[in-house]
Amino acid sequence: MEIKPYIRKVNYYETDRMGIVHHSNYIRYFEEARIDAMEQINCDCIKMEEMNLIIPVVDVYGKYLKSLRCRDEFAVYTKMTYFNGVKMEFDYEIRFKDDNSLSCTGHSTHCFINEKGRPVTVRKSHPDIYEKFMSLLEK
């Protein structure tokens, strides 16, 4: 399944004194885009948590290429690159809407756990959710 990019505009409060987006906000943009991608396949993270399925971040990083500034419109392209039912990985590209130039790239790794912090194999515990996430995996 092809995921539509997540479109957003930079808010003033996300910028620093130099007028550029603070580096920590790019990680938030990745998360917003990942949550949006999950919603596109009908996997609402709040409903999943209510089903005792929690998706923490294992690692995340970004490479900053061209700074976003206040009111810049941008698109976050999210691509799932790995999924085995316990762990999943995503790659991200943040691009300026006006010229499609690259602002930032990134990667994040996640796993599935229950409320006790124990790993969960989604394929066994929630086969319907497993199939939805499989639809995200790039072939």
Protein backbone atom coordinates (compact mmCIF):
# COMPACT_ATOMS: atom_id res chain seq x y z
CA MET A 1 0.00 0.00 0.00
CA GLU A 2 1.28 3.46 -0.84
CA ILE A 3 1.14 5.90 2.03
CA LYS A 4 0.28 9.52 1.30
CA PRO A 5 2.84 12.03 2.58
CA TYR A 6 2.09 13.91 5.77
CA ILE A 7 1.74 17.64 4.99
CA ARG A 8 2.37 20.32 7.57
CA LYS A 9 3.47 23.92 8.12
CA VAL A 10 6.15 25.00 10.60
CA ASN A 11 4.76 26.84 13.63
CA TYR A 12 6.55 29.81 15.17
CA TYR A 13 7.03 28.07 18.53
CA GLU A 14 8.99 25.27 16.81
CA THR A 15 11.76 27.64 15.81
CA ASP A 16 14.75 28.81 17.79
CA ARG A 17 16.21 32.27 18.16
CA MET A 18 17.89 31.95 14.75
CA GLY A 19 14.48 31.49 13.15
CA ILE A 20 15.04 27.87 12.16
CA VAL A 21 13.27 24.74 13.37
CA HIS A 22 14.93 23.33 16.47
CA HIS A 23 16.52 19.96 15.68
CA SER A 24 14.31 18.08 18.18
CA ASN A 25 11.18 18.99 16.25
CA TYR A 26 12.23 16.93 13.23
CA ILE A 27 11.90 13.82 15.42
CA ARG A 28 8.39 14.97 16.33
CA TYR A 29 7.61 15.38 12.62
CA PHE A 30 8.74 11.79 12.05
CA GLU A 31 6.39 10.64 14.80
CA GLU A 32 3.46 12.67 13.47
CA ALA A 33 4.03 11.20 10.00
CA ARG A 34 4.32 7.64 11.35
CA ILE A 35 1.07 8.04 13.33
CA ASP A 36 -0.57 9.44 10.19
CA ALA A 37 0.66 6.44 8.15
CA MET A 38 -0.76 4.09 10.78
CA GLU A 39 -4.10 5.90 10.65
CA GLN A 40 -4.12 5.52 6.86
CA ILE A 41 -4.19 1.73 7.37
CA ASN A 42 -6.75 1.97 10.22
CA CYS A 43 -4.29 1.34 13.05
CA ASP A 44 -5.05 4.03 15.60
CA CYS A 45 -2.30 4.06 18.25
CA ILE A 46 -4.74 4.98 21.07
CA LYS A 47 -7.03 2.08 20.20
CA MET A 48 -4.01 -0.21 19.98
CA GLU A 49 -2.92 0.84 23.46
CA GLU A 50 -6.44 0.10 24.69
CA MET A 51 -5.89 -3.42 23.29
CA ASN A 52 -2.67 -3.64 25.37
CA LEU A 53 -0.42 -3.12 22.36
CA ILE A 54 2.21 -0.43 22.92
CA ILE A 55 4.75 0.70 20.31
CA PRO A 56 7.79 2.35 21.94
CA VAL A 57 10.70 3.89 20.07
CA VAL A 58 13.84 1.74 20.21
CA ASP A 59 16.01 4.21 18.31
CA VAL A 60 15.60 7.27 16.13
CA TYR A 61 17.94 9.57 14.27
CA GLY A 62 17.91 12.33 11.72
CA LYS A 63 20.32 13.82 9.25
CA TYR A 64 19.77 17.54 8.80
CA LEU A 65 20.44 18.91 5.33
CA LYS A 66 18.54 22.19 4.87
CA SER A 67 16.78 23.99 7.72
CA LEU A 68 13.06 24.52 7.82
CA ARG A 69 11.92 27.97 8.90
CA CYS A 70 8.74 29.42 10.33
CA ARG A 71 5.73 28.98 8.03
CA ASP A 72 7.57 26.69 5.60
CA GLU A 73 5.25 24.03 4.26
CA PHE A 74 6.74 20.57 4.12
CA ALA A 75 5.87 16.96 3.41
CA VAL A 76 7.10 13.96 5.34
CA TYR A 77 7.42 10.80 3.28
CA THR A 78 7.27 7.70 5.46
CA LYS A 79 8.32 4.24 4.34
CA MET A 80 8.28 1.07 6.42
CA THR A 81 11.50 -0.78 5.63
CA TYR A 82 11.29 -3.74 8.03
CA PHE A 83 8.53 -5.60 9.87
CA ASN A 84 8.56 -9.04 11.46
CA GLY A 85 5.57 -8.86 13.79
CA VAL A 86 7.67 -7.87 16.83
CA LYS A 87 9.87 -5.09 15.45
CA MET A 88 9.46 -2.52 12.69
CA GLU A 89 11.59 0.17 11.09
CA PHE A 90 10.75 3.32 9.15
CA ASP A 91 12.68 5.70 6.92
CA TYR A 92 11.65 9.34 6.54
CA GLU A 93 12.26 12.18 4.13
CA ILE A 94 11.19 15.72 4.92
CA ARG A 95 10.85 17.79 1.77
CA PHE A 96 9.92 21.42 1.16
CA LYS A 97 6.52 21.68 -0.51
CA ASP A 98 7.49 24.58 -2.79
CA ASP A 99 10.43 22.95 -4.58
CA ASN A 100 10.54 19.36 -3.25
CA SER A 101 14.11 19.88 -2.00
CA LEU A 102 15.27 17.65 0.83
CA SER A 103 15.39 19.11 4.34
CA CYS A 104 16.03 16.06 6.50
CA THR A 105 16.21 12.28 6.36
CA GLY A 106 15.68 9.94 9.26
CA HIS A 107 15.09 6.47 10.57
CA SER A 108 13.28 4.96 13.55
CA THR A 109 12.98 1.48 15.04
CA HIS A 110 10.03 0.32 17.16
CA CYS A 111 8.82 -2.83 18.85
CA PHE A 112 5.52 -4.09 20.22
CA ILE A 113 5.16 -4.61 23.97
CA ASN A 114 2.36 -5.13 26.47
CA GLU A 115 1.69 -3.03 29.60
CA LYS A 116 4.27 -5.08 31.51
CA GLY A 117 6.97 -4.19 28.98
CA ARG A 118 7.13 -7.70 27.56
CA PRO A 119 7.55 -8.20 23.79
CA VAL A 120 4.42 -9.05 21.85
CA THR A 121 4.28 -11.05 18.62
CA VAL A 122 1.52 -9.23 16.74
CA ARG A 123 1.18 -12.04 14.19
CA LYS A 124 -0.11 -14.31 16.96
CA SER A 125 -1.84 -11.87 19.30
CA HIS A 126 -3.48 -9.55 16.74
CA PRO A 127 -3.42 -11.13 13.25
CA ASP A 128 -5.66 -8.40 11.81
CA ILE A 129 -3.20 -5.71 12.88
CA TYR A 130 -0.31 -7.83 11.61
CA GLU A 131 -1.89 -7.88 8.13
CA LYS A 132 -2.44 -4.12 8.18
CA PHE A 133 1.21 -3.48 9.03
CA MET A 134 2.30 -5.97 6.40
CA SER A 135 0.47 -3.81 3.85
CA LEU A 136 2.86 -0.96 4.76
CA LEU A 137 5.99 -2.96 4.11
CA GLU A 138 7.70 -1.92 0.91
CA LYS A 139 8.26 -4.94 -1.32
